[in-house]
PDB file of N, CA and C in Angstrom:
ATOM      1  N   MET A   1      -0.183 -97.123-143.930  1.00  0.00           N
ATOM      2  CA  MET A   1      -1.424 -96.509-143.943  1.00  0.00           C
ATOM      3  C   MET A   1      -1.609 -95.840-142.898  1.00  0.00           C
ATOM      4  N   THR A   2      -2.200 -94.605-142.772  1.00  0.00           N
ATOM      5  CA  THR A   2      -2.304 -93.689-141.695  1.00  0.00           C
ATOM      6  C   THR A   2      -3.836 -93.927-141.147  1.00  0.00           C
ATOM      7  N   ARG A   3      -3.984 -93.845-139.986  1.00  0.00           N
ATOM      8  CA  ARG A   3      -5.463 -93.737-139.281  1.00  0.00           C
ATOM      9  C   ARG A   3      -5.865 -92.469-138.929  1.00  0.00           C
ATOM     10  N   ARG A   4      -7.015 -92.112-139.174  1.00  0.00           N
ATOM     11  CA  ARG A   4      -7.501 -90.718-138.785  1.00  0.00           C
ATOM     12  C   ARG A   4      -7.433 -90.656-137.268  1.00  0.00           C
ATOM     13  N   ALA A   5      -7.606 -89.440-136.819  1.00  0.00           N
ATOM     14  CA  ALA A   5      -7.394 -89.147-135.293  1.00  0.00           C
ATOM     15  C   ALA A   5      -8.546 -89.728-134.662  1.00  0.00           C
ATOM     16  N   GLY A   6      -9.767 -89.590-135.148  1.00  0.00           N
ATOM     17  CA  GLY A   6     -10.944 -90.233-134.496  1.00  0.00           C
ATOM     18  C   GLY A   6     -11.098 -91.841-134.446  1.00  0.00           C
ATOM     19  N   GLY A   7     -10.337 -92.338-135.514  1.00  0.00           N
ATOM     20  CA  GLY A   7     -10.562 -93.749-135.416  1.00  0.00           C
ATOM     21  C   GLY A   7     -11.597 -94.150-136.377  1.00  0.00           C
ATOM     22  N   ARG A   8     -12.192 -95.273-135.949  1.00  0.00           N
ATOM     23  CA  ARG A   8     -13.247 -95.763-137.007  1.00  0.00           C
ATOM     24  C   ARG A   8     -14.457 -95.040-136.955  1.00  0.00           C
ATOM     25  N   PHE A   9     -14.821 -94.371-135.870  1.00  0.00           N
ATOM     26  CA  PHE A   9     -16.092 -93.554-135.718  1.00  0.00           C
ATOM     27  C   PHE A   9     -15.726 -91.950-135.453  1.00  0.00           C
ATOM     28  N   GLY A  10     -14.594 -91.508-136.141  1.00  0.00           N
ATOM     29  CA  GLY A  10     -14.127 -90.258-136.245  1.00  0.00           C
ATOM     30  C   GLY A  10     -15.232 -89.244-136.673  1.00  0.00           C
ATOM     31  N   TRP A  11     -16.258 -89.514-137.738  1.00  0.00           N
ATOM     32  CA  TRP A  11     -17.054 -88.928-138.405  1.00  0.00           C
ATOM     33  C   TRP A  11     -18.075 -88.447-137.367  1.00  0.00           C
ATOM     34  N   LEU A  12     -18.099 -89.144-136.431  1.00  0.00           N
ATOM     35  CA  LEU A  12     -19.218 -88.589-135.189  1.00  0.00           C
ATOM     36  C   LEU A  12     -18.970 -87.647-134.561  1.00  0.00           C
ATOM     37  N   ILE A  13     -17.480 -87.249-134.551  1.00  0.00           N
ATOM     38  CA  ILE A  13     -16.957 -86.065-133.855  1.00  0.00           C
ATOM     39  C   ILE A  13     -17.505 -84.708-134.508  1.00  0.00           C
ATOM     40  N   ASN A  14     -17.853 -84.943-135.919  1.00  0.00           N
ATOM     41  CA  ASN A  14     -18.212 -83.688-136.645  1.00  0.00           C
ATOM     42  C   ASN A  14     -19.372 -83.043-136.036  1.00  0.00           C
ATOM     43  N   ARG A  15     -19.398 -81.710-135.707  1.00  0.00           N
ATOM     44  CA  ARG A  15     -20.557 -81.105-134.964  1.00  0.00           C
ATOM     45  C   ARG A  15     -21.830 -81.398-135.889  1.00  0.00           C
ATOM     46  N   ARG A  16     -21.845 -81.142-137.020  1.00  0.00           N
ATOM     47  CA  ARG A  16     -23.029 -81.205-137.630  1.00  0.00           C
ATOM     48  C   ARG A  16     -23.746 -82.377-137.741  1.00  0.00           C
ATOM     49  N   VAL A  17     -22.944 -83.615-137.832  1.00  0.00           N
ATOM     50  CA  VAL A  17     -23.564 -84.891-137.739  1.00  0.00           C
ATOM     51  C   VAL A  17     -23.968 -85.219-136.326  1.00  0.00           C
ATOM     52  N   GLY A  18     -23.297 -84.605-135.335  1.00  0.00           N
ATOM     53  CA  GLY A  18     -23.882 -84.994-133.975  1.00  0.00           C
ATOM     54  C   GLY A  18     -24.940 -84.236-133.468  1.00  0.00           C
ATOM     55  N   MET A  19     -25.143 -82.941-134.212  1.00  0.00           N
ATOM     56  CA  MET A  19     -26.363 -82.191-133.999  1.00  0.00           C
ATOM     57  C   MET A  19     -27.356 -82.837-134.837  1.00  0.00           C
ATOM     58  N   SER A  20     -27.272 -83.352-136.099  1.00  0.00           N
ATOM     59  CA  SER A  20     -28.236 -84.203-136.711  1.00  0.00           C
ATOM     60  C   SER A  20     -28.756 -85.313-136.118  1.00  0.00           C
ATOM     61  N   LEU A  21     -27.690 -86.147-135.483  1.00  0.00           N
ATOM     62  CA  LEU A  21     -28.163 -87.235-134.721  1.00  0.00           C
ATOM     63  C   LEU A  21     -29.039 -87.014-133.447  1.00  0.00           C
ATOM     64  N   ALA A  22     -28.497 -85.991-132.578  1.00  0.00           N
ATOM     65  CA  ALA A  22     -29.428 -85.104-131.462  1.00  0.00           C
ATOM     66  C   ALA A  22     -30.806 -85.050-131.724  1.00  0.00           C
ATOM     67  N   TRP A  23     -30.763 -84.260-132.960  1.00  0.00           N
ATOM     68  CA  TRP A  23     -32.234 -83.653-133.299  1.00  0.00           C
ATOM     69  C   TRP A  23     -33.145 -84.984-133.724  1.00  0.00           C
ATOM     70  N   GLY A  24     -32.418 -85.665-134.530  1.00  0.00           N
ATOM     71  CA  GLY A  24     -33.239 -87.237-134.854  1.00  0.00           C
ATOM     72  C   GLY A  24     -33.574 -87.838-133.775  1.00  0.00           C
ATOM     73  N   GLY A  25     -32.783 -88.155-132.860  1.00  0.00           N
ATOM     74  CA  GLY A  25     -33.030 -88.735-131.423  1.00  0.00           C
ATOM     75  C   GLY A  25     -34.055 -87.912-130.612  1.00  0.00           C
ATOM     76  N   LEU A  26     -34.022 -86.904-130.600  1.00  0.00           N
ATOM     77  CA  LEU A  26     -35.015 -85.946-129.624  1.00  0.00           C
ATOM     78  C   LEU A  26     -36.439 -86.122-130.457  1.00  0.00           C
ATOM     79  N   ILE A  27     -36.570 -86.122-131.857  1.00  0.00           N
ATOM     80  CA  ILE A  27     -37.786 -86.222-132.648  1.00  0.00           C
ATOM     81  C   ILE A  27     -38.411 -87.625-132.410  1.00  0.00           C
ATOM     82  N   VAL A  28     -37.612 -88.697-132.211  1.00  0.00           N
ATOM     83  CA  VAL A  28     -37.895 -89.954-132.175  1.00  0.00           C
ATOM     84  C   VAL A  28     -38.446 -90.083-130.855  1.00  0.00           C
ATOM     85  N   THR A  29     -37.988 -89.616-129.898  1.00  0.00           N
ATOM     86  CA  THR A  29     -38.235 -89.779-128.404  1.00  0.00           C
ATOM     87  C   THR A  29     -39.399 -88.872-128.278  1.00  0.00           C
ATOM     88  N   ALA A  30     -39.800 -87.759-128.743  1.00  0.00           N
ATOM     89  CA  ALA A  30     -40.879 -87.075-128.691  1.00  0.00           C
ATOM     90  C   ALA A  30     -42.236 -87.898-129.293  1.00  0.00           C
ATOM     91  N   ALA A  31     -41.901 -88.338-130.299  1.00  0.00           N
ATOM     92  CA  ALA A  31     -42.914 -89.412-131.007  1.00  0.00           C
ATOM     93  C   ALA A  31     -43.408 -90.481-130.188  1.00  0.00           C
ATOM     94  N   LEU A  32     -42.405 -91.279-129.413  1.00  0.00           N
ATOM     95  CA  LEU A  32     -42.597 -92.354-128.549  1.00  0.00           C
ATOM     96  C   LEU A  32     -43.378 -91.909-127.457  1.00  0.00           C
ATOM     97  N   ALA A  33     -42.932 -90.663-126.714  1.00  0.00           N
ATOM     98  CA  ALA A  33     -43.634 -90.084-125.728  1.00  0.00           C
ATOM     99  C   ALA A  33     -45.051 -89.885-125.840  1.00  0.00           C
ATOM    100  N   ALA A  34     -45.405 -89.323-127.068  1.00  0.00           N
ATOM    101  CA  ALA A  34     -46.668 -88.902-127.547  1.00  0.00           C
ATOM    102  C   ALA A  34     -47.580 -90.203-127.747  1.00  0.00           C
ATOM    103  N   ASN A  35     -46.865 -91.182-128.332  1.00  0.00           N
ATOM    104  CA  ASN A  35     -47.784 -92.547-128.496  1.00  0.00           C
ATOM    105  C   ASN A  35     -47.996 -93.346-127.158  1.00  0.00           C
ATOM    106  N   ILE A  36     -47.143 -93.285-126.258  1.00  0.00           N
ATOM    107  CA  ILE A  36     -47.373 -93.811-124.959  1.00  0.00           C
ATOM    108  C   ILE A  36     -48.304 -92.949-124.435  1.00  0.00           C
ATOM    109  N   ALA A  37     -48.147 -91.604-124.292  1.00  0.00           N
ATOM    110  CA  ALA A  37     -49.057 -90.923-123.555  1.00  0.00           C
ATOM    111  C   ALA A  37     -50.575 -91.028-123.926  1.00  0.00           C
ATOM    112  N   GLY A  38     -50.691 -91.255-125.533  1.00  0.00           N
ATOM    113  CA  GLY A  38     -52.046 -91.204-126.080  1.00  0.00           C
ATOM    114  C   GLY A  38     -52.647 -92.650-125.561  1.00  0.00           C
ATOM    115  N   LEU A  39     -51.752 -93.704-125.620  1.00  0.00           N
ATOM    116  CA  LEU A  39     -52.341 -94.919-125.045  1.00  0.00           C
ATOM    117  C   LEU A  39     -52.650 -95.023-123.489  1.00  0.00           C
ATOM    118  N   ARG A  40     -51.942 -94.295-122.879  1.00  0.00           N
ATOM    119  CA  ARG A  40     -52.396 -94.393-121.629  1.00  0.00           C
ATOM    120  C   ARG A  40     -53.652 -93.336-121.183  1.00  0.00           C
ATOM    121  N   LEU A  41     -53.861 -92.447-122.156  1.00  0.00           N
ATOM    122  CA  LEU A  41     -55.071 -91.705-121.975  1.00  0.00           C
ATOM    123  C   LEU A  41     -56.533 -92.645-122.452  1.00  0.00           C
ATOM    124  N   VAL A  42     -56.236 -93.103-123.569  1.00  0.00           N
ATOM    125  CA  VAL A  42     -57.554 -93.717-124.040  1.00  0.00           C
ATOM    126  C   VAL A  42     -57.615 -95.160-123.806  1.00  0.00           C
ATOM    127  N   GLY A  43     -56.598 -95.714-123.073  1.00  0.00           N
ATOM    128  CA  GLY A  43     -56.675 -97.054-122.455  1.00  0.00           C
ATOM    129  C   GLY A  43     -56.059 -98.376-123.352  1.00  0.00           C
ATOM    130  N   ASP A  44     -56.319 -98.272-124.486  1.00  0.00           N
ATOM    131  CA  ASP A  44     -55.717 -99.504-125.345  1.00  0.00           C
ATOM    132  C   ASP A  44     -55.303 -99.140-126.574  1.00  0.00           C
ATOM    133  N   ILE A  45     -55.009-100.060-127.409  1.00  0.00           N
ATOM    134  CA  ILE A  45     -54.463 -99.843-128.773  1.00  0.00           C
ATOM    135  C   ILE A  45     -55.666 -99.462-129.690  1.00  0.00           C
ATOM    136  N   ASN A  46     -57.042-100.308-129.619  1.00  0.00           N
ATOM    137  CA  ASN A  46     -58.051 -99.799-130.361  1.00  0.00           C
ATOM    138  C   ASN A  46     -58.698 -98.460-129.929  1.00  0.00           C
ATOM    139  N   GLY A  47     -58.606 -98.036-128.814  1.00  0.00           N
ATOM    140  CA  GLY A  47     -59.077 -96.812-128.619  1.00  0.00           C
ATOM    141  C   GLY A  47     -58.037 -95.486-128.970  1.00  0.00           C
ATOM    142  N   TRP A  48     -56.941 -95.839-129.075  1.00  0.00           N
ATOM    143  CA  TRP A  48     -56.092 -95.191-129.662  1.00  0.00           C
ATOM    144  C   TRP A  48     -56.209 -94.941-131.338  1.00  0.00           C
ATOM    145  N   ASP A  49     -56.316 -95.946-131.806  1.00  0.00           N
ATOM    146  CA  ASP A  49     -56.639 -96.114-133.020  1.00  0.00           C
ATOM    147  C   ASP A  49     -57.743 -95.349-133.824  1.00  0.00           C
ATOM    148  N   HIS A  50     -58.629 -95.388-132.758  1.00  0.00           N
ATOM    149  CA  HIS A  50     -60.108 -94.627-133.101  1.00  0.00           C
ATOM    150  C   HIS A  50     -59.913 -93.369-132.809  1.00  0.00           C
ATOM    151  N   TRP A  51     -59.080 -92.750-132.021  1.00  0.00           N
ATOM    152  CA  TRP A  51     -58.862 -91.555-131.569  1.00  0.00           C
ATOM    153  C   TRP A  51     -58.043 -90.778-132.766  1.00  0.00           C
ATOM    154  N   LEU A  52     -57.103 -91.586-133.127  1.00  0.00           N
ATOM    155  CA  LEU A  52     -56.293 -91.108-134.506  1.00  0.00           C
ATOM    156  C   LEU A  52     -57.312 -91.037-135.685  1.00  0.00           C
ATOM    157  N   HIS A  53     -58.134 -91.927-136.029  1.00  0.00           N
ATOM    158  CA  HIS A  53     -58.942 -91.974-137.209  1.00  0.00           C
ATOM    159  C   HIS A  53     -60.030 -90.641-136.968  1.00  0.00           C
ATOM    160  N   ALA A  54     -60.440 -90.667-135.806  1.00  0.00           N
ATOM    161  CA  ALA A  54     -61.268 -89.382-135.539  1.00  0.00           C
ATOM    162  C   ALA A  54     -60.666 -88.037-135.621  1.00  0.00           C
ATOM    163  N   HIS A  55     -59.612 -87.729-135.437  1.00  0.00           N
ATOM    164  CA  HIS A  55     -58.762 -86.685-135.646  1.00  0.00           C
ATOM    165  C   HIS A  55     -57.910 -86.612-136.689  1.00  0.00           C
ATOM    166  N   ALA A  56     -58.195 -87.269-137.829  1.00  0.00           N
ATOM    167  CA  ALA A  56     -57.233 -87.289-139.045  1.00  0.00           C
ATOM    168  C   ALA A  56     -57.359 -86.090-139.790  1.00  0.00           C
ATOM    169  N   GLY A  57     -58.384 -85.354-139.825  1.00  0.00           N
ATOM    170  CA  GLY A  57     -58.519 -83.997-140.292  1.00  0.00           C
ATOM    171  C   GLY A  57     -57.539 -83.038-139.654  1.00  0.00           C
ATOM    172  N   PHE A  58     -57.323 -83.040-138.246  1.00  0.00           N
ATOM    173  CA  PHE A  58     -56.664 -82.033-137.678  1.00  0.00           C
ATOM    174  C   PHE A  58     -55.026 -82.450-138.075  1.00  0.00           C
ATOM    175  N   PHE A  59     -54.837 -83.735-138.228  1.00  0.00           N
ATOM    176  CA  PHE A  59     -53.357 -84.139-138.615  1.00  0.00           C
ATOM    177  C   PHE A  59     -53.055 -83.727-140.109  1.00  0.00           C
ATOM    178  N   LEU A  60     -54.282 -83.716-140.796  1.00  0.00           N
ATOM    179  CA  LEU A  60     -53.960 -83.495-142.161  1.00  0.00           C
ATOM    180  C   LEU A  60     -53.682 -82.044-142.359  1.00  0.00           C
ATOM    181  N   ALA A  61     -54.188 -81.181-141.667  1.00  0.00           N
ATOM    182  CA  ALA A  61     -54.057 -79.652-141.594  1.00  0.00           C
ATOM    183  C   ALA A  61     -52.854 -79.427-141.251  1.00  0.00           C
ATOM    184  N   TRP A  62     -52.261 -80.188-140.082  1.00  0.00           N
ATOM    185  CA  TRP A  62     -50.821 -80.149-139.546  1.00  0.00           C
ATOM    186  C   TRP A  62     -49.974 -80.257-140.394  1.00  0.00           C
ATOM    187  N   ARG A  63     -50.105 -81.369-141.192  1.00  0.00           N
ATOM    188  CA  ARG A  63     -49.232 -81.728-142.322  1.00  0.00           C
ATOM    189  C   ARG A  63     -49.158 -80.864-143.436  1.00  0.00           C
ATOM    190  N   LEU A  64     -50.398 -80.334-143.905  1.00  0.00           N
ATOM    191  CA  LEU A  64     -50.358 -79.290-144.875  1.00  0.00           C
ATOM    192  C   LEU A  64     -49.516 -77.956-144.376  1.00  0.00           C
ATOM    193  N   CYS A  65     -49.639 -77.418-143.057  1.00  0.00           N
ATOM    194  CA  CYS A  65     -49.015 -76.405-142.840  1.00  0.00           C
ATOM    195  C   CYS A  65     -47.536 -76.632-142.498  1.00  0.00           C
ATOM    196  N   LEU A  66     -46.905 -78.016-142.164  1.00  0.00           N
ATOM    197  CA  LEU A  66     -45.457 -78.319-142.275  1.00  0.00           C
ATOM    198  C   LEU A  66     -45.129 -78.127-143.730  1.00  0.00           C
ATOM    199  N   TYR A  67     -45.700 -78.729-144.618  1.00  0.00           N
ATOM    200  CA  TYR A  67     -45.648 -78.888-146.171  1.00  0.00           C
ATOM    201  C   TYR A  67     -45.316 -77.421-146.682  1.00  0.00           C
ATOM    202  N   ALA A  68     -46.164 -76.653-146.216  1.00  0.00           N
ATOM    203  CA  ALA A  68     -46.296 -75.252-146.559  1.00  0.00           C
ATOM    204  C   ALA A  68     -44.884 -74.285-146.111  1.00  0.00           C
ATOM    205  N   ALA A  69     -44.637 -74.561-144.640  1.00  0.00           N
ATOM    206  CA  ALA A  69     -43.537 -73.873-144.188  1.00  0.00           C
ATOM    207  C   ALA A  69     -42.177 -74.516-144.779  1.00  0.00           C
ATOM    208  N   THR A  70     -42.157 -75.988-145.154  1.00  0.00           N
ATOM    209  CA  THR A  70     -41.183 -76.597-145.824  1.00  0.00           C
ATOM    210  C   THR A  70     -40.840 -75.864-147.080  1.00  0.00           C
ATOM    211  N   ALA A  71     -42.166 -75.818-147.954  1.00  0.00           N
ATOM    212  CA  ALA A  71     -41.927 -75.049-149.280  1.00  0.00           C
ATOM    213  C   ALA A  71     -41.354 -73.557-149.338  1.00  0.00           C
ATOM    214  N   ARG A  72     -41.861 -72.988-148.245  1.00  0.00           N
ATOM    215  CA  ARG A  72     -41.260 -71.657-148.047  1.00  0.00           C
ATOM    216  C   ARG A  72     -39.853 -71.369-147.906  1.00  0.00           C
ATOM    217  N   GLY A  73     -39.572 -72.422-146.798  1.00  0.00           N
ATOM    218  CA  GLY A  73     -38.074 -72.435-146.524  1.00  0.00           C
ATOM    219  C   GLY A  73     -37.124 -72.842-147.789  1.00  0.00           C
ATOM    220  N   TRP A  74     -37.831 -73.849-148.599  1.00  0.00           N
ATOM    221  CA  TRP A  74     -37.272 -74.377-149.856  1.00  0.00           C
ATOM    222  C   TRP A  74     -36.846 -73.100-150.973  1.00  0.00           C
ATOM    223  N   TRP A  75     -38.112 -72.410-151.139  1.00  0.00           N
ATOM    224  CA  TRP A  75     -38.133 -71.463-151.980  1.00  0.00           C
ATOM    225  C   TRP A  75     -36.910 -70.423-151.778  1.00  0.00           C
ATOM    226  N   TRP A  76     -36.940 -69.840-150.297  1.00  0.00           N
ATOM    227  CA  TRP A  76     -35.903 -68.938-149.830  1.00  0.00           C
ATOM    228  C   TRP A  76     -34.479 -69.524-150.173  1.00  0.00           C
ATOM    229  N   MET A  77     -34.223 -70.683-149.728  1.00  0.00           N
ATOM    230  CA  MET A  77     -32.958 -71.448-150.062  1.00  0.00           C
ATOM    231  C   MET A  77     -32.374 -71.589-151.416  1.00  0.00           C
ATOM    232  N   ARG A  78     -33.532 -71.828-152.246  1.00  0.00           N
ATOM    233  CA  ARG A  78     -33.267 -72.138-153.853  1.00  0.00           C
ATOM    234  C   ARG A  78     -32.994 -70.664-154.354  1.00  0.00           C
ATOM    235  N   GLN A  79     -33.559 -69.512-154.037  1.00  0.00           N
ATOM    236  CA  GLN A  79     -33.247 -68.551-154.527  1.00  0.00           C
ATOM    237  C   GLN A  79     -31.933 -67.933-154.374  1.00  0.00           C
ATOM    238  N   ARG A  80     -31.604 -68.265-153.089  1.00  0.00           N
ATOM    239  CA  ARG A  80     -29.955 -67.691-152.443  1.00  0.00           C
ATOM    240  C   ARG A  80     -28.928 -68.823-153.507  1.00  0.00           C
ATOM    241  N   VAL A  81     -29.447 -70.106-153.425  1.00  0.00           N
ATOM    242  CA  VAL A  81     -28.272 -70.831-154.181  1.00  0.00           C
ATOM    243  C   VAL A  81     -28.492 -70.632-155.512  1.00  0.00           C
ATOM    244  N   LEU A  82     -29.460 -70.246-156.222  1.00  0.00           N
ATOM    245  CA  LEU A  82     -29.458 -69.884-157.500  1.00  0.00           C
ATOM    246  C   LEU A  82     -28.822 -68.568-158.032  1.00  0.00           C
ATOM    247  N   ALA A  83     -28.866 -67.408-157.109  1.00  0.00           N
ATOM    248  CA  ALA A  83     -28.269 -66.130-157.282  1.00  0.00           C
ATOM    249  C   ALA A  83     -26.668 -66.450-156.934  1.00  0.00           C
ATOM    250  N   ARG A  84     -26.350 -67.659-156.070  1.00  0.00           N
ATOM    251  CA  ARG A  84     -24.640 -67.785-155.971  1.00  0.00           C
ATOM    252  C   ARG A  84     -24.419 -68.627-157.132  1.00  0.00           C
ATOM    253  N   GLU A  85     -25.084 -69.483-157.697  1.00  0.00           N
ATOM    254  CA  GLU A  85     -24.712 -70.387-158.835  1.00  0.00           C
ATOM    255  C   GLU A  85     -25.874 -70.505-159.935  1.00  0.00           C
ATOM    256  N   PRO A  86     -25.832 -69.633-160.621  1.00  0.00           N
ATOM    257  CA  PRO A  86     -26.826 -69.666-161.784  1.00  0.00           C
ATOM    258  C   PRO A  86     -26.698 -70.564-162.857  1.00  0.00           C
ATOM    259  N   SER A  87     -26.096 -71.788-162.722  1.00  0.00           N
ATOM    260  CA  SER A  87     -25.789 -72.571-163.912  1.00  0.00           C
ATOM    261  C   SER A  87     -27.016 -73.305-164.261  1.00  0.00           C
ATOM    262  N   LEU A  88     -27.029 -74.032-165.419  1.00  0.00           N
ATOM    263  CA  LEU A  88     -28.178 -74.736-165.892  1.00  0.00           C
ATOM    264  C   LEU A  88     -28.160 -76.148-165.076  1.00  0.00           C
ATOM    265  N   ASP A  89     -26.915 -76.542-164.645  1.00  0.00           N
ATOM    266  CA  ASP A  89     -26.750 -77.831-164.039  1.00  0.00           C
ATOM    267  C   ASP A  89     -27.325 -77.766-162.523  1.00  0.00           C
ATOM    268  N   THR A  90     -27.261 -76.428-161.862  1.00  0.00           N
ATOM    269  CA  THR A  90     -28.012 -76.231-160.590  1.00  0.00           C
ATOM    270  C   THR A  90     -29.483 -76.341-160.690  1.00  0.00           C
ATOM    271  N   ARG A  91     -30.002 -75.663-161.735  1.00  0.00           N
ATOM    272  CA  ARG A  91     -31.371 -75.496-162.041  1.00  0.00           C
ATOM    273  C   ARG A  91     -31.949 -77.071-162.175  1.00  0.00           C
ATOM    274  N   GLN A  92     -31.176 -77.874-162.984  1.00  0.00           N
ATOM    275  CA  GLN A  92     -31.657 -79.200-163.237  1.00  0.00           C
ATOM    276  C   GLN A  92     -31.646 -80.019-162.037  1.00  0.00           C
ATOM    277  N   ARG A  93     -30.582 -79.713-161.144  1.00  0.00           N
ATOM    278  CA  ARG A  93     -30.486 -80.429-159.805  1.00  0.00           C
ATOM    279  C   ARG A  93     -31.771 -80.204-158.972  1.00  0.00           C
ATOM    280  N   PHE A  94     -31.873 -78.965-158.970  1.00  0.00           N
ATOM    281  CA  PHE A  94     -33.258 -78.558-157.973  1.00  0.00           C
ATOM    282  C   PHE A  94     -34.392 -79.190-158.942  1.00  0.00           C
ATOM    283  N   LEU A  95     -34.602 -79.095-159.880  1.00  0.00           N
ATOM    284  CA  LEU A  95     -35.927 -79.623-160.612  1.00  0.00           C
ATOM    285  C   LEU A  95     -35.932 -81.208-160.144  1.00  0.00           C
ATOM    286  N   ARG A  96     -34.936 -81.868-160.319  1.00  0.00           N
ATOM    287  CA  ARG A  96     -34.997 -83.171-159.920  1.00  0.00           C
ATOM    288  C   ARG A  96     -35.240 -83.743-158.511  1.00  0.00           C
ATOM    289  N   ILE A  97     -34.885 -82.629-157.446  1.00  0.00           N
ATOM    290  CA  ILE A  97     -35.060 -82.802-156.408  1.00  0.00           C
ATOM    291  C   ILE A  97     -36.703 -82.399-155.720  1.00  0.00           C
ATOM    292  N   GLU A  98     -37.015 -81.455-156.729  1.00  0.00           N
ATOM    293  CA  GLU A  98     -38.344 -80.810-156.225  1.00  0.00           C
ATOM    294  C   GLU A  98     -39.368 -81.959-156.747  1.00  0.00           C
ATOM    295  N   ILE A  99     -39.180 -82.464-158.055  1.00  0.00           N
ATOM    296  CA  ILE A  99     -40.104 -83.782-158.474  1.00  0.00           C
ATOM    297  C   ILE A  99     -40.039 -84.707-157.505  1.00  0.00           C
ATOM    298  N   ALA A 100     -38.828 -85.090-156.975  1.00  0.00           N
ATOM    299  CA  ALA A 100     -38.778 -86.270-156.099  1.00  0.00           C
ATOM    300  C   ALA A 100     -39.612 -85.692-154.780  1.00  0.00           C
ATOM    301  N   ALA A 101     -39.375 -84.798-154.202  1.00  0.00           N
ATOM    302  CA  ALA A 101     -40.037 -84.367-153.026  1.00  0.00           C
ATOM    303  C   ALA A 101     -41.653 -84.337-153.171  1.00  0.00           C
ATOM    304  N   VAL A 102     -42.263 -83.799-154.374  1.00  0.00           N
ATOM    305  CA  VAL A 102     -43.760 -83.748-154.729  1.00  0.00           C
ATOM    306  C   VAL A 102     -43.912 -85.279-154.833  1.00  0.00           C
ATOM    307  N   VAL A 103     -43.450 -86.047-155.588  1.00  0.00           N
ATOM    308  CA  VAL A 103     -43.734 -87.414-155.597  1.00  0.00           C
ATOM    309  C   VAL A 103     -43.883 -88.200-154.464  1.00  0.00           C
ATOM    310  N   ALA A 104     -42.860 -87.950-153.363  1.00  0.00           N
ATOM    311  CA  ALA A 104     -42.813 -88.601-152.184  1.00  0.00           C
ATOM    312  C   ALA A 104     -43.816 -88.194-151.301  1.00  0.00           C
ATOM    313  N   ILE A 105     -44.220 -86.883-151.429  1.00  0.00           N
ATOM    314  CA  ILE A 105     -45.413 -86.401-150.623  1.00  0.00           C
ATOM    315  C   ILE A 105     -46.767 -87.062-150.966  1.00  0.00           C
ATOM    316  N   ILE A 106     -46.863 -86.884-152.345  1.00  0.00           N
ATOM    317  CA  ILE A 106     -48.142 -87.545-153.028  1.00  0.00           C
ATOM    318  C   ILE A 106     -48.131 -89.127-152.590  1.00  0.00           C
ATOM    319  N   LEU A 107     -47.141 -89.804-152.554  1.00  0.00           N
ATOM    320  CA  LEU A 107     -47.215 -91.055-152.356  1.00  0.00           C
ATOM    321  C   LEU A 107     -47.603 -91.594-150.823  1.00  0.00           C
ATOM    322  N   LEU A 108     -46.972 -90.475-149.877  1.00  0.00           N
ATOM    323  CA  LEU A 108     -47.105 -90.722-148.539  1.00  0.00           C
ATOM    324  C   LEU A 108     -48.493 -90.415-148.185  1.00  0.00           C
ATOM    325  N   GLU A 109     -49.052 -89.066-148.653  1.00  0.00           N
ATOM    326  CA  GLU A 109     -50.358 -88.812-148.479  1.00  0.00           C
ATOM    327  C   GLU A 109     -51.581 -89.882-148.992  1.00  0.00           C
ATOM    328  N   GLY A 110     -51.056 -90.257-150.244  1.00  0.00           N
ATOM    329  CA  GLY A 110     -51.987 -91.357-150.804  1.00  0.00           C
ATOM    330  C   GLY A 110     -52.034 -92.522-149.941  1.00  0.00           C
ATOM    331  N   SER A 111     -50.996 -92.969-149.193  1.00  0.00           N
ATOM    332  CA  SER A 111     -50.989 -94.131-148.640  1.00  0.00           C
ATOM    333  C   SER A 111     -51.523 -93.955-147.046  1.00  0.00           C
ATOM    334  N   ASN A 112     -51.510 -92.957-146.831  1.00  0.00           N
ATOM    335  CA  ASN A 112     -52.340 -92.458-145.528  1.00  0.00           C
ATOM    336  C   ASN A 112     -53.701 -92.403-145.835  1.00  0.00           C
ATOM    337  N   TRP A 113     -53.796 -91.913-147.126  1.00  0.00           N
ATOM    338  CA  TRP A 113     -55.648 -91.578-147.354  1.00  0.00           C
ATOM    339  C   TRP A 113     -56.216 -93.032-147.483  1.00  0.00           C
ATOM    340  N   LEU A 114     -55.451 -93.958-148.067  1.00  0.00           N
ATOM    341  CA  LEU A 114     -56.019 -95.483-148.546  1.00  0.00           C
ATOM    342  C   LEU A 114     -56.017 -96.084-147.054  1.00  0.00           C
ATOM    343  N   GLN A 115     -55.129 -95.761-146.243  1.00  0.00           N
ATOM    344  CA  GLN A 115     -55.200 -96.657-144.911  1.00  0.00           C
ATOM    345  C   GLN A 115     -56.335 -96.093-143.969  1.00  0.00           C
ATOM    346  N   HIS A 116     -56.732 -94.934-144.283  1.00  0.00           N
ATOM    347  CA  HIS A 116     -57.830 -93.964-143.474  1.00  0.00           C
ATOM    348  C   HIS A 116     -59.184 -94.778-144.031  1.00  0.00           C
ATOM    349  N   GLU A 117     -58.997 -94.833-145.425  1.00  0.00           N
ATOM    350  CA  GLU A 117     -60.481 -95.366-146.125  1.00  0.00           C
ATOM    351  C   GLU A 117     -60.547 -96.787-145.716  1.00  0.00           C
ATOM    352  N   GLN A 118     -59.480 -97.637-145.703  1.00  0.00           N
ATOM    353  CA  GLN A 118     -59.542 -99.063-145.223  1.00  0.00           C
ATOM    354  C   GLN A 118     -59.968 -99.119-143.718  1.00  0.00           C
ATOM    355  N   GLY A 119     -59.632 -98.141-142.855  1.00  0.00           N
ATOM    356  CA  GLY A 119     -59.803 -98.167-141.402  1.00  0.00           C
ATOM    357  C   GLY A 119     -61.550 -98.001-141.471  1.00  0.00           C
ATOM    358  N   ILE A 120     -62.055 -97.089-142.087  1.00  0.00           N
ATOM    359  CA  ILE A 120     -63.474 -96.743-141.993  1.00  0.00           C
ATOM    360  C   ILE A 120     -64.293 -97.966-142.302  1.00  0.00           C
ATOM    361  N   ARG A 121     -63.862 -98.544-143.606  1.00  0.00           N
ATOM    362  CA  ARG A 121     -64.647 -99.897-144.091  1.00  0.00           C
ATOM    363  C   ARG A 121     -64.836-100.918-143.116  1.00  0.00           C
ATOM    364  N   GLN A 122     -63.767-101.037-142.454  1.00  0.00           N
ATOM    365  CA  GLN A 122     -63.625-102.432-141.606  1.00  0.00           C
ATOM    366  C   GLN A 122     -64.832-102.282-140.246  1.00  0.00           C
ATOM    367  N   PRO A 123     -65.364-103.302-140.117  1.00  0.00           N
ATOM    368  CA  PRO A 123     -66.210-103.186-138.904  1.00  0.00           C
ATOM    369  C   PRO A 123     -65.480-103.228-137.475  1.00  0.00           C
TER     370      PRO A 123
END
């Protein structure tokens, strides 16, 4: 039995995987930095939570813009793939992916809305 050139973690050498891991790490680092900066600005976790609830509308608008940009990019990519592979199987795969994405967004936004509603009702 032969071993691959990279050994056990040879897949990490792949440029695409490396870039994905780098971008993921950058996003997590930015989120952590934003939370730490917010906590320092408002003083404590309760102040940060209050600030987040007070600005929930702006965050909703931001998420809607992100959803719209993602949908636009998806539509562009979908048209290109369907022009290259016009089979029924490709269309069915896209339909399953699109349904899953819409359900995921509805569940995430519904969960967020429920948490916001509970946060307002608590003393």
